[in-house]
Protein backbone atom coordinates (compact mmCIF):
# COMPACT_ATOMS: atom_id res chain seq x y z
CA MET A 1 28.66 5.58 3.95
CA ILE A 2 28.45 4.95 0.22
CA ARG A 3 31.11 7.52 -0.71
CA ARG A 4 33.74 5.13 0.62
CA PHE A 5 32.99 2.70 -2.19
CA PHE A 6 33.22 4.86 -5.33
CA VAL A 7 36.21 5.31 -7.55
CA GLY A 8 39.60 4.06 -6.34
CA SER A 9 39.51 0.33 -7.09
CA ALA A 10 36.35 0.01 -9.16
CA MET A 11 34.16 -0.38 -6.12
CA MET A 12 30.91 1.61 -5.79
CA VAL A 13 29.32 4.92 -5.07
CA ALA A 14 26.20 6.98 -5.18
CA ALA A 15 25.67 10.63 -6.10
CA SER A 16 24.06 14.02 -5.73
CA SER A 17 23.96 17.88 -6.06
CA LEU A 18 22.57 20.66 -8.28
CA ALA A 19 21.47 24.28 -8.37
CA GLN A 20 19.51 25.72 -5.53
CA ARG A 21 16.14 26.91 -6.86
CA ALA A 22 13.24 25.47 -4.89
CA VAL A 23 11.19 22.75 -6.54
CA VAL A 24 9.28 21.40 -3.56
CA GLU A 25 7.01 24.12 -2.26
CA ARG A 26 5.88 24.24 1.34
CA GLU A 27 2.23 23.54 1.83
CA GLY A 28 1.99 25.92 4.74
CA SER A 29 3.64 25.88 8.12
CA GLY A 30 0.43 25.30 10.05
CA LYS A 31 -0.37 21.84 11.36
CA ILE A 32 -3.78 20.35 11.97
CA SER A 33 -4.44 20.02 15.70
CA ILE A 34 -5.83 16.61 16.63
CA ASN A 35 -7.10 15.50 20.03
CA LEU A 36 -7.07 11.86 21.21
CA ALA A 37 -8.03 12.55 24.82
CA ALA A 38 -11.48 10.95 24.36
CA PHE A 39 -10.03 7.78 22.84
CA ARG A 40 -10.33 5.02 25.44
CA THR A 41 -7.89 2.18 26.08
CA GLY A 42 -8.15 -1.00 28.09
CA GLY A 43 -5.98 -1.63 31.11
CA ASP A 44 -3.68 -3.93 29.14
CA THR A 45 -0.17 -3.06 27.99
CA ALA A 46 -0.92 -3.62 24.30
CA SER A 47 -3.81 -1.13 24.27
CA ARG A 48 -1.77 1.57 25.96
CA GLY A 49 1.12 0.84 23.61
CA PHE A 50 -1.21 1.17 20.63
CA LEU A 51 -2.29 4.66 21.67
CA SER A 52 1.29 5.76 22.38
CA VAL A 53 2.49 4.61 18.94
CA LEU A 54 -0.52 6.18 17.21
CA LYS A 55 0.13 9.58 18.81
CA ALA A 56 3.82 9.47 17.89
CA ASP A 57 3.04 8.48 14.29
CA LEU A 58 0.56 11.33 13.87
CA ASN A 59 3.04 13.86 15.22
CA ARG A 60 5.81 12.47 13.02
CA SER A 61 3.64 12.62 9.88
CA GLY A 62 4.23 16.35 9.64
CA TYR A 63 0.55 17.10 9.09
CA PHE A 64 -0.71 16.95 12.67
CA LYS A 65 -0.01 18.27 16.14
CA VAL A 66 -1.47 16.07 18.86
CA THR A 67 -3.06 18.19 21.59
CA SER A 68 -5.17 17.50 24.67
CA SER A 69 -7.76 20.25 24.12
CA GLY A 70 -9.09 22.74 21.62
CA ALA A 71 -8.25 20.75 18.50
CA ALA A 72 -9.61 20.99 14.97
CA LEU A 73 -10.10 17.19 14.90
CA ASN A 74 -11.21 14.77 17.57
CA VAL A 75 -10.38 11.07 17.58
CA VAL A 76 -12.90 8.98 19.50
CA GLY A 77 -13.42 5.25 19.98
CA LYS A 78 -11.66 2.59 21.96
CA VAL A 79 -9.07 -0.16 21.83
CA GLN A 80 -8.84 -3.23 24.03
CA ALA A 81 -6.78 -6.36 23.88
CA GLY A 82 -6.97 -9.86 25.28
CA SER A 83 -5.51 -12.56 23.08
CA GLN A 84 -6.85 -10.42 20.21
CA MET A 85 -6.94 -6.65 19.86
CA LYS A 86 -10.07 -4.84 18.77
CA ALA A 87 -10.08 -1.17 17.91
CA ASP A 88 -12.79 1.24 16.84
CA VAL A 89 -11.45 4.55 15.51
CA GLN A 90 -13.48 7.55 14.39
CA VAL A 91 -12.25 11.01 13.42
CA TYR A 92 -14.52 14.06 13.49
CA LYS A 93 -14.18 17.74 12.72
CA ALA A 94 -14.60 19.42 16.08
CA ALA A 95 -16.55 22.41 14.74
CA THR A 96 -19.10 20.59 12.57
CA ARG A 97 -19.04 17.01 13.87
CA GLN A 98 -18.46 15.91 10.28
CA ARG A 99 -17.01 12.40 10.33
CA MET A 100 -13.75 12.15 8.41
CA MET A 101 -13.11 8.48 9.11
CA GLY A 102 -14.68 5.55 10.92
CA LYS A 103 -13.28 2.01 10.95
CA SER A 104 -13.07 -1.07 13.12
CA TYR A 105 -9.96 -3.24 13.32
CA ASP A 106 -9.00 -6.71 14.58
CA ALA A 107 -5.44 -7.83 15.10
CA SER A 108 -3.24 -9.96 17.29
CA ALA A 109 -2.40 -8.21 20.55
CA LYS A 110 1.27 -8.82 19.77
CA ALA A 111 0.87 -6.76 16.58
CA TYR A 112 -0.32 -3.59 18.32
CA ARG A 113 2.51 -1.55 16.79
CA THR A 114 1.68 -2.70 13.27
CA LEU A 115 -1.98 -1.88 13.81
CA ALA A 116 -1.18 1.57 15.20
CA HIS A 117 0.99 2.33 12.13
CA LYS A 118 -1.86 1.26 9.85
CA VAL A 119 -4.41 3.42 11.67
CA ALA A 120 -2.07 6.44 11.60
CA ASP A 121 -1.65 6.12 7.82
CA GLU A 122 -5.40 5.79 7.33
CA ILE A 123 -6.04 8.91 9.39
CA VAL A 124 -3.46 10.82 7.33
CA TYR A 125 -5.13 9.73 4.11
CA ALA A 126 -8.68 10.38 5.33
CA VAL A 127 -7.87 13.93 6.41
CA THR A 128 -5.27 15.04 3.82
CA GLY A 129 -5.84 12.72 0.84
CA LYS A 130 -2.12 11.91 0.96
CA ARG A 131 -0.34 8.69 1.69
CA GLY A 132 1.24 8.16 5.10
CA MET A 133 4.60 6.59 5.93
CA ALA A 134 4.09 4.95 9.32
CA SER A 135 3.60 1.43 7.92
CA ALA A 136 6.84 1.47 5.93
CA LYS A 137 9.89 -0.59 6.84
CA ILE A 138 13.48 0.61 6.79
CA ALA A 139 16.34 -1.64 5.70
CA MET A 140 19.82 -0.44 6.57
CA VAL A 141 23.41 -1.46 7.14
CA GLY A 142 24.47 -1.60 10.79
CA THR A 143 27.61 -2.50 12.69
CA ARG A 144 25.98 -3.51 15.98
CA SER A 145 27.46 -7.02 15.68
CA GLY A 146 30.92 -5.66 14.89
CA ARG A 147 30.46 -6.30 11.16
CA LYS A 148 28.38 -4.65 8.45
CA GLU A 149 25.13 -6.61 8.33
CA LEU A 150 21.62 -5.96 6.99
CA TYR A 151 18.90 -4.91 9.44
CA ILE A 152 15.20 -4.01 9.22
CA CYS A 153 13.06 -1.86 11.51
CA ASP A 154 9.76 0.01 11.49
CA ALA A 155 9.53 3.54 10.09
CA ASP A 156 9.80 4.94 13.63
CA GLY A 157 13.10 3.13 14.22
CA LYS A 158 11.61 0.51 16.54
CA GLY A 159 11.42 -3.27 16.14
CA MET A 160 14.99 -3.70 14.91
CA ARG A 161 16.00 -7.15 13.69
CA GLN A 162 19.12 -8.47 12.00
CA ILE A 163 18.57 -10.09 8.59
CA THR A 164 22.00 -11.27 7.46
CA ASN A 165 24.88 -12.97 9.23
CA ASP A 166 27.43 -12.91 6.42
CA ARG A 167 30.27 -11.86 8.76
CA SER A 168 31.59 -9.74 5.93
CA ILE A 169 30.56 -6.43 4.34
CA ILE A 170 27.00 -5.58 3.29
CA VAL A 171 26.27 -2.46 1.22
CA ALA A 172 23.57 -0.83 -0.92
CA PRO A 173 20.28 -2.39 0.24
CA ARG A 174 17.19 -1.76 -1.94
CA TRP A 175 13.61 -2.99 -1.57
CA THR A 176 11.94 -4.87 -4.39
CA PRO A 177 8.89 -3.04 -5.81
CA ASP A 178 6.46 -5.40 -4.07
CA GLY A 179 8.04 -4.61 -0.69
CA LYS A 180 8.61 -8.30 0.07
CA ASN A 181 12.38 -8.61 -0.38
CA ILE A 182 15.60 -6.63 -0.31
CA THR A 183 18.50 -6.69 -2.75
CA TYR A 184 21.96 -5.97 -1.38
CA THR A 185 25.63 -6.34 -2.22
CA SER A 186 27.67 -8.72 -0.07
CA TYR A 187 31.37 -9.52 0.10
CA LYS A 188 30.71 -12.90 1.70
CA TYR A 189 32.67 -14.50 -1.16
CA ARG A 190 35.66 -12.46 -0.08
CA ASN A 191 37.03 -10.35 -2.97
CA SER A 192 34.15 -11.10 -5.34
CA PRO A 193 31.16 -8.91 -4.42
CA CYS A 194 27.81 -10.34 -5.51
CA VAL A 195 24.25 -9.07 -5.47
CA PHE A 196 21.85 -11.08 -3.30
CA MET A 197 18.14 -10.94 -2.61
CA THR A 198 16.46 -11.95 0.63
CA GLY A 199 14.39 -15.07 0.11
CA ARG A 200 16.97 -16.57 -2.25
CA GLY A 201 19.83 -18.77 -1.23
CA GLN A 202 22.01 -18.02 -4.26
CA PRO A 203 23.17 -14.66 -5.62
CA VAL A 204 21.00 -12.89 -8.18
CA SER A 205 24.20 -11.82 -9.93
CA LYS A 206 27.57 -13.55 -9.68
CA GLN A 207 29.30 -12.46 -12.87
CA PRO A 208 33.12 -12.37 -12.99
CA GLY A 209 34.44 -9.25 -11.30
CA LEU A 210 32.28 -6.63 -9.64
CA ASN A 211 28.53 -7.19 -9.08
CA ALA A 212 27.12 -4.26 -7.12
CA MET A 213 24.17 -2.00 -6.30
CA GLY A 214 21.42 -4.03 -7.95
CA THR A 215 17.96 -2.46 -7.98
CA VAL A 216 14.82 -4.08 -9.42
CA SER A 217 12.62 -2.35 -12.01
CA PRO A 218 9.02 -1.37 -11.12
CA ASP A 219 7.66 -4.36 -13.07
CA GLY A 220 9.92 -6.72 -11.08
CA LYS A 221 11.51 -8.32 -14.13
CA THR A 222 14.77 -6.45 -14.66
CA MET A 223 17.62 -5.37 -12.43
CA ALA A 224 19.82 -2.33 -13.04
CA ILE A 225 23.25 -3.23 -11.73
CA ILE A 226 26.90 -2.26 -11.84
CA LEU A 227 29.09 -4.93 -13.47
CA SER A 228 32.77 -4.89 -14.46
CA LEU A 229 32.48 -7.44 -17.27
CA SER A 230 34.10 -4.96 -19.64
CA GLY A 231 36.82 -3.93 -17.19
CA ASN A 232 35.31 -0.71 -15.88
CA PRO A 233 32.29 -0.69 -13.57
CA GLU A 234 29.44 -0.05 -16.03
CA LEU A 235 25.67 0.13 -15.83
CA TRP A 236 23.94 -3.02 -17.06
CA LEU A 237 20.50 -4.58 -17.10
CA ILE A 238 20.11 -8.22 -16.10
CA SER A 239 17.19 -10.61 -15.73
CA VAL A 240 15.96 -10.88 -12.14
CA ARG A 241 14.89 -14.48 -12.74
CA SER A 242 18.00 -15.85 -14.46
CA GLY A 243 20.67 -13.31 -13.52
CA LYS A 244 21.82 -13.21 -17.15
CA PRO A 245 22.94 -9.88 -18.66
CA ILE A 246 20.40 -8.28 -21.00
CA ARG A 247 21.96 -5.00 -22.06
CA ARG A 248 24.98 -2.83 -21.31
CA LEU A 249 23.81 0.78 -20.98
CA THR A 250 27.05 2.73 -20.50
CA LYS A 251 30.49 2.68 -22.08
CA THR A 252 32.70 5.04 -20.12
CA GLN A 253 36.28 3.96 -20.69
CA ARG A 254 37.72 6.54 -18.29
CA GLY A 255 35.13 6.46 -15.57
CA ASN A 256 33.06 4.39 -13.19
CA GLU A 257 29.31 4.10 -12.74
CA ALA A 258 27.41 3.52 -9.50
CA SER A 259 24.10 3.72 -7.62
CA PRO A 260 21.36 3.14 -10.22
CA CYS A 261 17.71 3.84 -9.40
CA TRP A 262 14.60 3.54 -11.56
CA SER A 263 12.14 6.22 -12.59
CA PRO A 264 8.60 5.56 -11.31
CA ASP A 265 7.42 4.47 -14.79
CA GLY A 266 10.40 2.15 -15.27
CA ASN A 267 11.54 3.83 -18.50
CA HIS A 268 14.65 5.59 -17.23
CA ILE A 269 17.47 5.06 -14.75
CA ALA A 270 19.32 7.67 -12.72
CA TYR A 271 22.87 6.77 -11.74
CA VAL A 272 26.25 8.22 -10.79
CA SER A 273 29.24 8.53 -13.08
CA ASP A 274 32.64 10.20 -12.60
CA SER A 275 33.30 10.30 -16.35
CA SER A 276 33.54 14.12 -16.20
CA GLY A 277 36.22 13.92 -13.51
CA ARG A 278 33.87 14.20 -10.55
CA PRO A 279 30.83 12.14 -9.55
CA HIS A 280 27.60 13.52 -11.02
CA VAL A 281 24.04 12.27 -11.44
CA TYR A 282 22.92 11.20 -14.92
CA ILE A 283 19.73 9.85 -16.44
CA ILE A 284 19.62 7.28 -19.24
CA SER A 285 16.84 5.40 -21.03
CA LYS A 286 16.40 1.73 -20.16
CA ASN A 287 17.00 1.11 -23.88
CA GLY A 288 20.36 2.85 -23.75
CA GLY A 289 21.45 5.86 -25.77
CA ARG A 290 22.95 9.14 -24.65
CA ALA A 291 22.86 9.92 -20.94
CA LYS A 292 21.84 13.37 -19.65
CA ARG A 293 23.63 14.92 -16.71
CA ILE A 294 21.23 16.54 -14.23
CA SER A 295 23.55 17.63 -11.40
CA SER A 296 25.71 20.71 -11.78
CA SER A 297 27.03 21.94 -8.43
CA GLY A 298 28.93 20.42 -5.55
CA THR A 299 32.26 18.66 -5.67
CA GLU A 300 30.60 15.22 -5.39
CA ASN A 301 27.06 14.14 -6.20
CA LEU A 302 26.10 10.78 -4.78
CA SER A 303 23.36 8.24 -4.00
CA PRO A 304 20.30 9.26 -6.06
CA ASP A 305 16.79 8.05 -5.33
CA TRP A 306 13.87 8.69 -7.71
CA GLY A 307 10.62 9.02 -5.79
CA LYS A 308 7.12 8.20 -6.94
CA ASN A 309 6.46 11.93 -6.55
CA GLY A 310 8.67 12.47 -9.63
CA TYR A 311 11.52 14.15 -7.75
CA ILE A 312 15.07 12.84 -7.40
CA THR A 313 17.00 13.26 -4.17
CA TRP A 314 20.73 12.78 -3.72
CA CYS A 315 23.58 14.01 -1.52
CA SER A 316 26.00 16.69 -2.63
CA ARG A 317 29.27 17.80 -1.11
CA VAL A 318 28.86 21.54 -0.62
CA GLY A 319 31.31 23.61 1.40
CA GLY A 320 33.06 20.48 2.63
CA LYS A 321 29.85 18.87 3.98
CA TYR A 322 27.34 16.45 2.49
CA ARG A 323 23.92 17.99 1.96
CA ILE A 324 20.62 16.52 0.74
CA VAL A 325 19.35 17.84 -2.59
CA VAL A 326 15.80 17.55 -3.95
CA ALA A 327 15.54 18.09 -7.71
CA SER A 328 13.09 17.97 -10.59
CA PRO A 329 14.54 16.01 -13.53
CA THR A 330 12.18 17.78 -15.95
CA SER A 331 12.52 21.43 -14.92
CA ARG A 332 16.16 21.09 -13.82
CA THR A 333 15.42 22.98 -10.61
CA SER A 334 16.61 21.92 -7.18
CA ARG A 335 17.10 22.94 -3.61
CA VAL A 336 19.30 21.89 -0.72
CA LEU A 337 17.43 20.90 2.45
CA GLU A 338 18.17 22.94 5.55
CA THR A 339 20.10 20.89 8.11
CA ASP A 340 22.80 21.36 10.70
CA TRP A 341 26.45 20.97 9.76
CA ALA A 342 26.74 17.23 10.14
CA ASP A 343 27.11 15.08 6.99
CA TYR A 344 23.77 13.90 5.55
CA GLU A 345 24.03 11.10 3.00
CA ASP A 346 22.24 8.15 1.34
CA PRO A 347 18.83 9.85 1.00
CA ARG A 348 15.78 7.68 0.28
CA TRP A 349 12.20 8.81 -0.23
CA ALA A 350 9.61 7.69 2.29
CA PRO A 351 6.41 6.40 0.65
CA ASP A 352 4.54 9.61 1.57
CA GLY A 353 6.64 11.57 -0.96
CA ARG A 354 7.24 14.25 1.67
CA HIS A 355 9.90 12.80 3.95
CA ILE A 356 13.41 11.55 3.26
CA ILE A 357 15.23 8.98 5.37
CA CYS A 358 19.02 9.26 5.30
CA SER A 359 22.19 8.74 7.28
CA ARG A 360 23.67 11.50 9.43
CA THR A 361 27.33 11.41 10.43
CA SER A 362 28.79 13.55 13.18
CA GLY A 363 31.84 12.92 15.31
CA TYR A 364 32.63 9.79 13.28
CA ARG A 365 29.31 8.17 14.29
CA SER A 366 26.48 7.52 11.86
CA ALA A 367 22.76 7.33 12.59
CA ILE A 368 19.51 7.15 10.59
CA TYR A 369 17.45 10.34 10.45
CA LEU A 370 14.10 11.47 9.10
CA LEU A 371 14.08 14.74 7.13
CA ASP A 372 10.98 16.70 6.20
CA THR A 373 11.10 18.46 2.81
CA LEU A 374 8.53 20.92 4.22
CA LYS A 375 11.00 21.99 6.91
CA ASP A 376 10.00 20.20 10.08
CA SER A 377 13.03 19.53 12.29
CA PRO A 378 15.10 16.39 11.58
CA VAL A 379 14.21 13.37 13.73
CA ALA A 380 16.67 10.69 14.87
CA LEU A 381 15.24 7.23 14.14
CA VAL A 382 18.14 4.83 14.77
CA SER A 383 21.33 5.61 16.68
CA GLY A 384 23.73 4.08 19.16
CA SER A 385 24.98 0.48 19.42
CA GLY A 386 27.18 0.81 16.37
CA ASP A 387 26.94 2.85 13.20
CA TRP A 388 23.90 2.89 10.91
CA TYR A 389 23.81 3.97 7.29
CA SER A 390 22.63 3.22 3.75
CA PRO A 391 18.89 3.17 4.55
CA ALA A 392 16.31 1.85 2.08
CA VAL A 393 12.59 2.43 2.57
CA SER A 394 9.89 -0.05 1.57
CA PRO A 395 7.42 1.19 -1.08
């Protein structure tokens, strides 16, 4: 949980909270019924697994309800696998027989899950015109090995694999804009935290003192990062290629900065600062200048994430519990998502711009959950075998 890193000894943090006027409107509570009963599978395990994953992805999308009869949409076709998997998928409106989608696919039989995720996203887009999330990957910190290491899994929580073996502390993972690598902070050099990137053997940033919470700009050239070169943890920009500092953006002599994230156009950065006495979310230009505070309520505002949908989400301590806030940085409106009374932290936008993936802590155990901003019930994605937190979702 990121809150453990903030102030104190110039470590790290993330932020969130604001007013409670709704900015994300529901698009209607009704779901589109979709029937896959006529979709045929081979007798092989991969084909049956493909159909099972596809159904689960469509249900989880928030737009569909998979039924066995009387649906608005019918999915027909077949899938069969030998050494290779071949699938033919067609989607029709039941009432008019209008075809919404028709495609054929080839893939390795071992990749049946990946293919099912792809097909689910293409059905979502064909029917709604909106991007799906099933093909995304989730990076997170987990303690399954007894230490805090970096892990990756599919968007449904399956296919978990361990990425690091630093035998130390890993925090603050973030995907690069191309979705190929992950930046993260590691204490593998003992008391000198550095920012690393998967695919590189050496740290991206190893300046004297604190190097933390690096996140790469949309153009892939610049990293927003927290450095303590001036004594306090401040927000800096460095070159992704060379690791050399480019510009110091903040100068808060009595405070600490944490948790930067980029605006979709790459012109601004949201981050956390406790310069006012409590952690709040601020926005600053990539060229520097005066920062604007956008959070106003809650005793702590942590871990912002700026989605491609233009909204910023963060967690806010309200009534003694951490809640997830969704806010518009332009209209200054926000709302708190409805959840139970566990602690919900570290929110990150899924690529569909509708869902948020976050950590949920209850009874001193942390798990990764999927939240729907249009009010579907929360879904547990990763739990058990240790604690799981600080998720990051591939673009």
